[in-house]
């Protein structure tokens, strides 16, 4: 059984209220991941700001 299959099986057995909590948690994790990516991109831009400005000329 794959991880996705196990997750779906377990999810289907939950009551509706718990399913909503799972969905809320997944959305929280996705939001957190997006923020982490944005911070990394900002750090890369800041670290390479001088080179990026030179390339933009």
PDB file of N, CA and C in Angstrom:
ATOM      1  N   UNK A   1       0.857  -1.178   0.000  1.00  0.00           N
ATOM      2  CA  UNK A   1       0.000   0.000   0.000  1.00  0.00           C
ATOM      3  C   UNK A   1       0.905   1.243   0.000  1.00  0.00           C
ATOM      4  N   UNK A   2       0.634   2.139  -0.921  1.00  0.00           N
ATOM      5  CA  UNK A   2       1.421   3.371  -0.990  1.00  0.00           C
ATOM      6  C   UNK A   2       1.012   4.320   0.132  1.00  0.00           C
ATOM      7  N   UNK A   3       1.833   5.307   0.339  1.00  0.00           N
ATOM      8  CA  UNK A   3       1.533   6.311   1.360  1.00  0.00           C
ATOM      9  C   UNK A   3       0.214   7.022   1.051  1.00  0.00           C
ATOM     10  N   UNK A   4       0.007   7.365  -0.228  1.00  0.00           N
ATOM     11  CA  UNK A   4      -1.230   8.044  -0.630  1.00  0.00           C
ATOM     12  C   UNK A   4      -2.450   7.151  -0.385  1.00  0.00           C
ATOM     13  N   UNK A   5      -2.314   5.863  -0.687  1.00  0.00           N
ATOM     14  CA  UNK A   5      -3.430   4.938  -0.465  1.00  0.00           C
ATOM     15  C   UNK A   5      -3.747   4.813   1.026  1.00  0.00           C
ATOM     16  N   UNK A   6      -2.700   4.721   1.841  1.00  0.00           N
ATOM     17  CA  UNK A   6      -2.907   4.619   3.291  1.00  0.00           C
ATOM     18  C   UNK A   6      -3.570   5.886   3.825  1.00  0.00           C
ATOM     19  N   UNK A   7      -3.085   7.036   3.371  1.00  0.00           N
ATOM     20  CA  UNK A   7      -3.668   8.305   3.808  1.00  0.00           C
ATOM     21  C   UNK A   7      -5.144   8.383   3.429  1.00  0.00           C
ATOM     22  N   UNK A   8      -5.465   8.029   2.198  1.00  0.00           N
ATOM     23  CA  UNK A   8      -6.853   8.080   1.739  1.00  0.00           C
ATOM     24  C   UNK A   8      -7.728   7.124   2.544  1.00  0.00           C
ATOM     25  N   UNK A   9      -7.225   5.917   2.798  1.00  0.00           N
ATOM     26  CA  UNK A   9      -7.988   4.935   3.573  1.00  0.00           C
ATOM     27  C   UNK A   9      -8.275   5.464   4.978  1.00  0.00           C
ATOM     28  N   UNK A  10      -7.243   5.967   5.637  1.00  0.00           N
ATOM     29  CA  UNK A  10      -7.419   6.498   6.993  1.00  0.00           C
ATOM     30  C   UNK A  10      -8.350   7.710   6.990  1.00  0.00           C
ATOM     31  N   UNK A  11      -8.173   8.584   5.998  1.00  0.00           N
ATOM     32  CA  UNK A  11      -8.993   9.788   5.894  1.00  0.00           C
ATOM     33  C   UNK A  11     -10.469   9.435   5.730  1.00  0.00           C
ATOM     34  N   UNK A  12     -10.761   8.470   4.882  1.00  0.00           N
ATOM     35  CA  UNK A  12     -12.146   8.083   4.608  1.00  0.00           C
ATOM     36  C   UNK A  12     -12.849   7.533   5.848  1.00  0.00           C
ATOM     37  N   UNK A  13     -12.091   7.016   6.786  1.00  0.00           N
ATOM     38  CA  UNK A  13     -12.682   6.434   7.992  1.00  0.00           C
ATOM     39  C   UNK A  13     -12.970   7.471   9.080  1.00  0.00           C
ATOM     40  N   UNK A  14     -12.490   8.689   8.888  1.00  0.00           N
ATOM     41  CA  UNK A  14     -12.695   9.732   9.892  1.00  0.00           C
ATOM     42  C   UNK A  14     -14.092  10.347   9.796  1.00  0.00           C
ATOM     43  N   UNK A  15     -14.613  10.840  10.934  1.00  0.00           N
ATOM     44  CA  UNK A  15     -15.856  11.617  10.876  1.00  0.00           C
ATOM     45  C   UNK A  15     -15.587  12.956  10.174  1.00  0.00           C
ATOM     46  N   UNK A  16     -16.635  13.580   9.681  1.00  0.00           N
ATOM     47  CA  UNK A  16     -16.504  14.816   8.898  1.00  0.00           C
ATOM     48  C   UNK A  16     -15.721  15.902   9.639  1.00  0.00           C
ATOM     49  N   UNK A  17     -15.969  16.064  10.927  1.00  0.00           N
ATOM     50  CA  UNK A  17     -15.275  17.098  11.699  1.00  0.00           C
ATOM     51  C   UNK A  17     -13.761  16.862  11.693  1.00  0.00           C
ATOM     52  N   UNK A  18     -13.364  15.613  11.845  1.00  0.00           N
ATOM     53  CA  UNK A  18     -11.936  15.283  11.842  1.00  0.00           C
ATOM     54  C   UNK A  18     -11.345  15.444  10.441  1.00  0.00           C
ATOM     55  N   UNK A  19     -12.128  15.146   9.425  1.00  0.00           N
ATOM     56  CA  UNK A  19     -11.660  15.352   8.049  1.00  0.00           C
ATOM     57  C   UNK A  19     -11.339  16.825   7.821  1.00  0.00           C
ATOM     58  N   UNK A  20     -12.184  17.702   8.339  1.00  0.00           N
ATOM     59  CA  UNK A  20     -11.946  19.135   8.187  1.00  0.00           C
ATOM     60  C   UNK A  20     -10.669  19.548   8.908  1.00  0.00           C
ATOM     61  N   UNK A  21     -10.425  18.954  10.063  1.00  0.00           N
ATOM     62  CA  UNK A  21      -9.192  19.257  10.798  1.00  0.00           C
ATOM     63  C   UNK A  21      -7.966  18.816  10.005  1.00  0.00           C
ATOM     64  N   UNK A  22      -8.059  17.668   9.359  1.00  0.00           N
ATOM     65  CA  UNK A  22      -6.951  17.184   8.526  1.00  0.00           C
ATOM     66  C   UNK A  22      -6.712  18.152   7.375  1.00  0.00           C
ATOM     67  N   UNK A  23      -7.769  18.581   6.720  1.00  0.00           N
ATOM     68  CA  UNK A  23      -7.650  19.525   5.604  1.00  0.00           C
ATOM     69  C   UNK A  23      -7.047  20.844   6.089  1.00  0.00           C
ATOM     70  N   UNK A  24      -7.504  21.331   7.228  1.00  0.00           N
ATOM     71  CA  UNK A  24      -6.954  22.567   7.795  1.00  0.00           C
ATOM     72  C   UNK A  24      -5.456  22.419   8.064  1.00  0.00           C
ATOM     73  N   UNK A  25      -5.058  21.270   8.592  1.00  0.00           N
ATOM     74  CA  UNK A  25      -3.646  21.036   8.894  1.00  0.00           C
ATOM     75  C   UNK A  25      -2.812  20.980   7.616  1.00  0.00           C
ATOM     76  N   UNK A  26      -3.321  20.321   6.598  1.00  0.00           N
ATOM     77  CA  UNK A  26      -2.608  20.255   5.318  1.00  0.00           C
ATOM     78  C   UNK A  26      -2.450  21.658   4.733  1.00  0.00           C
ATOM     79  N   UNK A  27      -3.493  22.463   4.802  1.00  0.00           N
ATOM     80  CA  UNK A  27      -3.411  23.842   4.304  1.00  0.00           C
ATOM     81  C   UNK A  27      -2.399  24.651   5.108  1.00  0.00           C
ATOM     82  N   UNK A  28      -2.341  24.421   6.421  1.00  0.00           N
ATOM     83  CA  UNK A  28      -1.345  25.083   7.262  1.00  0.00           C
ATOM     84  C   UNK A  28       0.063  24.694   6.830  1.00  0.00           C
ATOM     85  N   UNK A  29       0.292  23.401   6.602  1.00  0.00           N
ATOM     86  CA  UNK A  29       1.615  22.940   6.180  1.00  0.00           C
ATOM     87  C   UNK A  29       2.012  23.536   4.836  1.00  0.00           C
ATOM     88  N   UNK A  30       1.062  23.610   3.906  1.00  0.00           N
ATOM     89  CA  UNK A  30       1.353  24.198   2.595  1.00  0.00           C
ATOM     90  C   UNK A  30       1.692  25.677   2.724  1.00  0.00           C
ATOM     91  N   UNK A  31       0.971  26.382   3.567  1.00  0.00           N
ATOM     92  CA  UNK A  31       1.229  27.802   3.789  1.00  0.00           C
ATOM     93  C   UNK A  31       2.606  28.002   4.411  1.00  0.00           C
ATOM     94  N   UNK A  32       2.933  27.172   5.387  1.00  0.00           N
ATOM     95  CA  UNK A  32       4.237  27.246   6.042  1.00  0.00           C
ATOM     96  C   UNK A  32       5.353  26.980   5.036  1.00  0.00           C
ATOM     97  N   UNK A  33       5.160  25.988   4.188  1.00  0.00           N
ATOM     98  CA  UNK A  33       6.158  25.659   3.172  1.00  0.00           C
ATOM     99  C   UNK A  33       6.340  26.821   2.200  1.00  0.00           C
ATOM    100  N   UNK A  34       5.247  27.449   1.793  1.00  0.00           N
ATOM    101  CA  UNK A  34       5.323  28.583   0.875  1.00  0.00           C
ATOM    102  C   UNK A  34       6.098  29.735   1.504  1.00  0.00           C
ATOM    103  N   UNK A  35       5.843  29.996   2.784  1.00  0.00           N
ATOM    104  CA  UNK A  35       6.567  31.068   3.483  1.00  0.00           C
ATOM    105  C   UNK A  35       8.055  30.756   3.555  1.00  0.00           C
ATOM    106  N   UNK A  36       8.399  29.486   3.806  1.00  0.00           N
ATOM    107  CA  UNK A  36       9.808  29.090   3.860  1.00  0.00           C
ATOM    108  C   UNK A  36      10.480  29.293   2.505  1.00  0.00           C
ATOM    109  N   UNK A  37       9.786  28.970   1.434  1.00  0.00           N
ATOM    110  CA  UNK A  37      10.317  29.173   0.086  1.00  0.00           C
ATOM    111  C   UNK A  37      10.536  30.657  -0.171  1.00  0.00           C
ATOM    112  N   UNK A  38       9.569  31.484   0.215  1.00  0.00           N
ATOM    113  CA  UNK A  38       9.696  32.927   0.013  1.00  0.00           C
ATOM    114  C   UNK A  38      10.892  33.490   0.775  1.00  0.00           C
ATOM    115  N   UNK A  39      11.118  33.007   1.996  1.00  0.00           N
ATOM    116  CA  UNK A  39      12.266  33.462   2.786  1.00  0.00           C
ATOM    117  C   UNK A  39      13.566  33.052   2.097  1.00  0.00           C
ATOM    118  N   UNK A  40      13.626  31.819   1.603  1.00  0.00           N
ATOM    119  CA  UNK A  40      14.831  31.363   0.905  1.00  0.00           C
ATOM    120  C   UNK A  40      15.107  32.207  -0.332  1.00  0.00           C
ATOM    121  N   UNK A  41      14.069  32.494  -1.101  1.00  0.00           N
ATOM    122  CA  UNK A  41      14.235  33.316  -2.305  1.00  0.00           C
ATOM    123  C   UNK A  41      14.714  34.709  -1.929  1.00  0.00           C
ATOM    124  N   UNK A  42      14.125  35.294  -0.891  1.00  0.00           N
ATOM    125  CA  UNK A  42      14.560  36.618  -0.430  1.00  0.00           C
ATOM    126  C   UNK A  42      16.030  36.602  -0.019  1.00  0.00           C
ATOM    127  N   UNK A  43      16.454  35.533   0.661  1.00  0.00           N
ATOM    128  CA  UNK A  43      17.855  35.423   1.079  1.00  0.00           C
ATOM    129  C   UNK A  43      18.780  35.298  -0.127  1.00  0.00           C
ATOM    130  N   UNK A  44      18.369  34.526  -1.127  1.00  0.00           N
ATOM    131  CA  UNK A  44      19.173  34.375  -2.346  1.00  0.00           C
ATOM    132  C   UNK A  44      19.296  35.713  -3.059  1.00  0.00           C
ATOM    133  N   UNK A  45      18.190  36.417  -3.167  1.00  0.00           N
ATOM    134  CA  UNK A  45      18.206  37.730  -3.831  1.00  0.00           C
ATOM    135  C   UNK A  45      19.098  38.694  -3.061  1.00  0.00           C
ATOM    136  N   UNK A  46      18.964  38.705  -1.742  1.00  0.00           N
ATOM    137  CA  UNK A  46      19.767  39.615  -0.924  1.00  0.00           C
ATOM    138  C   UNK A  46      21.258  39.287  -1.036  1.00  0.00           C
ATOM    139  N   UNK A  47      21.585  38.003  -0.992  1.00  0.00           N
ATOM    140  CA  UNK A  47      22.977  37.575  -1.092  1.00  0.00           C
ATOM    141  C   UNK A  47      23.576  37.933  -2.445  1.00  0.00           C
ATOM    142  N   UNK A  48      22.773  37.874  -3.492  1.00  0.00           N
ATOM    143  CA  UNK A  48      23.265  38.092  -4.852  1.00  0.00           C
ATOM    144  C   UNK A  48      22.796  39.411  -5.447  1.00  0.00           C
ATOM    145  N   UNK A  49      22.407  40.337  -4.602  1.00  0.00           N
ATOM    146  CA  UNK A  49      21.821  41.598  -5.065  1.00  0.00           C
ATOM    147  C   UNK A  49      22.740  42.343  -6.031  1.00  0.00           C
ATOM    148  N   UNK A  50      23.999  42.438  -5.683  1.00  0.00           N
ATOM    149  CA  UNK A  50      24.935  43.179  -6.528  1.00  0.00           C
ATOM    150  C   UNK A  50      25.051  42.542  -7.915  1.00  0.00           C
ATOM    151  N   UNK A  51      25.179  41.239  -7.963  1.00  0.00           N
ATOM    152  CA  UNK A  51      25.291  40.541  -9.246  1.00  0.00           C
ATOM    153  C   UNK A  51      24.003  40.672 -10.047  1.00  0.00           C
ATOM    154  N   UNK A  52      22.875  40.577  -9.387  1.00  0.00           N
ATOM    155  CA  UNK A  52      21.592  40.702 -10.082  1.00  0.00           C
ATOM    156  C   UNK A  52      21.410  42.100 -10.657  1.00  0.00           C
ATOM    157  N   UNK A  53      21.818  43.118  -9.914  1.00  0.00           N
ATOM    158  CA  UNK A  53      21.724  44.489 -10.423  1.00  0.00           C
ATOM    159  C   UNK A  53      22.632  44.676 -11.634  1.00  0.00           C
ATOM    160  N   UNK A  54      23.803  44.076 -11.603  1.00  0.00           N
ATOM    161  CA  UNK A  54      24.731  44.170 -12.734  1.00  0.00           C
ATOM    162  C   UNK A  54      24.145  43.473 -13.966  1.00  0.00           C
ATOM    163  N   UNK A  55      23.538  42.324 -13.760  1.00  0.00           N
ATOM    164  CA  UNK A  55      22.926  41.593 -14.879  1.00  0.00           C
ATOM    165  C   UNK A  55      21.730  42.342 -15.458  1.00  0.00           C
ATOM    166  N   UNK A  56      21.064  43.132 -14.638  1.00  0.00           N
ATOM    167  CA  UNK A  56      19.868  43.848 -15.085  1.00  0.00           C
ATOM    168  C   UNK A  56      20.202  45.037 -15.980  1.00  0.00           C
ATOM    169  N   UNK A  57      21.464  45.418 -16.055  1.00  0.00           N
ATOM    170  CA  UNK A  57      21.854  46.574 -16.871  1.00  0.00           C
ATOM    171  C   UNK A  57      21.766  46.256 -18.340  1.00  0.00           C
TER     172      UNK A  57
END
